[in-house]
Amino acid sequence: MKYWYNVDTGEVQTDDTKSRGELMMGPYDTEAEARNALASARARTEQWDEQDREWNSRGTSAPEADD
């Protein structure tokens, strides 16, 4: 069975009870993973933002093209 997090209601739902047309996150293997969907997404976004800042701080100058 898979679990889903309903962003609109804040409820964890199963495949059998999953709302249609709602903003859903998942599927997750466990109810606990689904319950923590927003925190997991926030942590991944913060990690990606930090990687972007590191990338940008290194500079992204392209090599000059020969004409």
N, C-alpha and C. Protein backbone atom coordinates (compact mmCIF):
# COMPACT_ATOMS: atom_id res chain seq x y z
N MET A 1 0.84 -1.16 0.00
CA MET A 1 0.00 0.00 0.00
C MET A 1 0.90 1.24 0.00
N LYS A 2 0.49 2.25 -0.71
CA LYS A 2 1.21 3.52 -0.76
C LYS A 2 0.42 4.58 0.00
N TYR A 3 1.13 5.60 0.47
CA TYR A 3 0.53 6.68 1.22
C TYR A 3 0.78 8.00 0.51
N TRP A 4 -0.13 8.93 0.70
CA TRP A 4 -0.09 10.23 0.06
C TRP A 4 -0.34 11.31 1.11
N TYR A 5 0.23 12.49 0.88
CA TYR A 5 -0.03 13.63 1.76
C TYR A 5 -0.87 14.63 0.99
N ASN A 6 -2.05 14.96 1.51
CA ASN A 6 -2.94 15.93 0.90
C ASN A 6 -2.58 17.30 1.41
N VAL A 7 -2.01 18.13 0.54
CA VAL A 7 -1.53 19.45 0.93
C VAL A 7 -2.68 20.35 1.37
N ASP A 8 -3.84 20.21 0.74
CA ASP A 8 -4.98 21.06 1.07
C ASP A 8 -5.55 20.76 2.46
N THR A 9 -5.64 19.49 2.82
CA THR A 9 -6.27 19.12 4.09
C THR A 9 -5.27 18.77 5.18
N GLY A 10 -4.01 18.49 4.81
CA GLY A 10 -3.01 18.07 5.78
C GLY A 10 -3.18 16.63 6.23
N GLU A 11 -3.98 15.87 5.49
CA GLU A 11 -4.23 14.48 5.86
C GLU A 11 -3.34 13.52 5.08
N VAL A 12 -3.01 12.40 5.73
CA VAL A 12 -2.35 11.30 5.05
C VAL A 12 -3.44 10.39 4.52
N GLN A 13 -3.32 10.01 3.25
CA GLN A 13 -4.33 9.17 2.62
C GLN A 13 -3.65 7.97 1.98
N THR A 14 -4.41 6.92 1.79
CA THR A 14 -3.92 5.72 1.13
C THR A 14 -4.37 5.72 -0.32
N ASP A 15 -3.89 4.76 -1.09
CA ASP A 15 -4.36 4.64 -2.47
C ASP A 15 -5.89 4.53 -2.52
N ASP A 16 -6.47 3.84 -1.55
CA ASP A 16 -7.91 3.63 -1.53
C ASP A 16 -8.69 4.88 -1.16
N THR A 17 -8.10 5.77 -0.36
CA THR A 17 -8.82 6.96 0.11
C THR A 17 -8.31 8.25 -0.51
N LYS A 18 -7.37 8.14 -1.43
CA LYS A 18 -6.73 9.31 -2.03
C LYS A 18 -7.74 10.18 -2.75
N SER A 19 -7.71 11.47 -2.44
CA SER A 19 -8.60 12.43 -3.09
C SER A 19 -8.22 12.60 -4.55
N ARG A 20 -9.20 12.85 -5.35
CA ARG A 20 -8.96 13.10 -6.77
C ARG A 20 -8.94 14.61 -7.01
N GLY A 21 -8.03 15.07 -7.83
CA GLY A 21 -7.98 16.47 -8.19
C GLY A 21 -7.43 17.38 -7.10
N GLU A 22 -6.96 16.80 -6.01
CA GLU A 22 -6.38 17.59 -4.94
C GLU A 22 -4.87 17.66 -5.15
N LEU A 23 -4.23 18.58 -4.47
CA LEU A 23 -2.78 18.69 -4.52
C LEU A 23 -2.20 17.64 -3.58
N MET A 24 -1.63 16.59 -4.17
CA MET A 24 -1.13 15.46 -3.40
C MET A 24 0.38 15.35 -3.55
N MET A 25 1.04 14.93 -2.48
CA MET A 25 2.46 14.62 -2.52
C MET A 25 2.61 13.13 -2.28
N GLY A 26 3.47 12.50 -3.04
CA GLY A 26 3.68 11.07 -2.87
C GLY A 26 3.79 10.38 -4.20
N PRO A 27 3.82 9.12 -4.20
CA PRO A 27 3.51 8.21 -3.10
C PRO A 27 4.71 7.98 -2.18
N TYR A 28 4.38 7.60 -0.94
CA TYR A 28 5.36 7.25 0.08
C TYR A 28 5.13 5.80 0.51
N ASP A 29 6.19 5.17 0.96
CA ASP A 29 6.09 3.77 1.38
C ASP A 29 5.45 3.60 2.76
N THR A 30 5.59 4.62 3.60
CA THR A 30 5.04 4.50 4.95
C THR A 30 4.18 5.72 5.27
N GLU A 31 3.30 5.54 6.25
CA GLU A 31 2.46 6.64 6.70
C GLU A 31 3.32 7.76 7.30
N ALA A 32 4.37 7.37 8.02
CA ALA A 32 5.26 8.36 8.64
C ALA A 32 5.95 9.23 7.58
N GLU A 33 6.40 8.62 6.50
CA GLU A 33 7.03 9.39 5.42
C GLU A 33 6.03 10.39 4.83
N ALA A 34 4.80 9.95 4.64
CA ALA A 34 3.77 10.84 4.09
C ALA A 34 3.47 11.97 5.06
N ARG A 35 3.41 11.67 6.34
CA ARG A 35 3.12 12.68 7.35
C ARG A 35 4.20 13.75 7.38
N ASN A 36 5.44 13.38 7.04
CA ASN A 36 6.57 14.31 7.05
C ASN A 36 6.89 14.87 5.68
N ALA A 37 5.94 14.78 4.75
CA ALA A 37 6.17 15.19 3.36
C ALA A 37 6.63 16.64 3.25
N LEU A 38 5.97 17.54 3.94
CA LEU A 38 6.34 18.96 3.83
C LEU A 38 7.72 19.24 4.40
N ALA A 39 8.04 18.62 5.52
CA ALA A 39 9.37 18.82 6.12
C ALA A 39 10.45 18.25 5.21
N SER A 40 10.20 17.10 4.61
CA SER A 40 11.18 16.50 3.69
C SER A 40 11.38 17.38 2.47
N ALA A 41 10.29 17.90 1.93
CA ALA A 41 10.38 18.78 0.76
C ALA A 41 11.13 20.07 1.11
N ARG A 42 10.86 20.62 2.30
CA ARG A 42 11.55 21.84 2.73
C ARG A 42 13.05 21.59 2.86
N ALA A 43 13.42 20.45 3.44
CA ALA A 43 14.84 20.13 3.62
C ALA A 43 15.54 19.96 2.28
N ARG A 44 14.89 19.29 1.34
CA ARG A 44 15.49 19.13 0.00
C ARG A 44 15.65 20.47 -0.69
N THR A 45 14.64 21.33 -0.57
CA THR A 45 14.71 22.65 -1.20
C THR A 45 15.85 23.47 -0.60
N GLU A 46 16.01 23.43 0.72
CA GLU A 46 17.11 24.15 1.37
C GLU A 46 18.46 23.62 0.90
N GLN A 47 18.56 22.30 0.75
CA GLN A 47 19.81 21.70 0.27
C GLN A 47 20.10 22.16 -1.15
N TRP A 48 19.10 22.16 -2.01
CA TRP A 48 19.30 22.59 -3.40
C TRP A 48 19.64 24.08 -3.46
N ASP A 49 19.01 24.89 -2.61
CA ASP A 49 19.32 26.32 -2.58
C ASP A 49 20.77 26.54 -2.17
N GLU A 50 21.25 25.78 -1.19
CA GLU A 50 22.64 25.90 -0.76
C GLU A 50 23.59 25.49 -1.89
N GLN A 51 23.25 24.42 -2.60
CA GLN A 51 24.08 24.00 -3.74
C GLN A 51 24.10 25.08 -4.81
N ASP A 52 22.97 25.72 -5.05
CA ASP A 52 22.92 26.82 -6.02
C ASP A 52 23.80 27.98 -5.58
N ARG A 53 23.75 28.33 -4.28
CA ARG A 53 24.59 29.42 -3.79
C ARG A 53 26.08 29.09 -3.96
N GLU A 54 26.44 27.85 -3.66
CA GLU A 54 27.84 27.43 -3.84
C GLU A 54 28.24 27.51 -5.30
N TRP A 55 27.38 27.04 -6.18
CA TRP A 55 27.65 27.07 -7.61
C TRP A 55 27.83 28.51 -8.09
N ASN A 56 26.93 29.38 -7.68
CA ASN A 56 26.98 30.78 -8.10
C ASN A 56 28.20 31.51 -7.53
N SER A 57 28.63 31.13 -6.34
CA SER A 57 29.79 31.81 -5.75
C SER A 57 31.08 31.44 -6.46
N ARG A 58 31.11 30.29 -7.13
CA ARG A 58 32.30 29.88 -7.88
C ARG A 58 32.42 30.65 -9.18
N GLY A 59 31.33 31.24 -9.64
CA GLY A 59 31.35 31.95 -10.92
C GLY A 59 31.05 30.98 -12.04
N THR A 60 30.41 31.49 -13.06
CA THR A 60 30.02 30.61 -14.17
C THR A 60 30.48 31.22 -15.50
N SER A 61 31.67 31.77 -15.50
CA SER A 61 32.15 32.38 -16.74
C SER A 61 32.41 31.29 -17.77
N ALA A 62 31.89 31.51 -18.95
CA ALA A 62 32.08 30.57 -20.05
C ALA A 62 33.41 30.88 -20.74
N PRO A 63 34.05 29.85 -21.27
CA PRO A 63 35.29 30.11 -22.01
C PRO A 63 34.99 30.94 -23.26
N GLU A 64 35.97 31.79 -23.61
CA GLU A 64 35.77 32.64 -24.79
C GLU A 64 35.83 31.78 -26.06
N ALA A 65 34.93 32.08 -26.97
CA ALA A 65 34.87 31.34 -28.23
C ALA A 65 35.85 31.95 -29.24
N ASP A 66 36.50 31.10 -30.01
CA ASP A 66 37.36 31.58 -31.07
C ASP A 66 36.52 31.91 -32.28
N ASP A 67 36.78 33.05 -32.89
CA ASP A 67 36.02 33.43 -34.10
C ASP A 67 36.64 32.88 -35.34
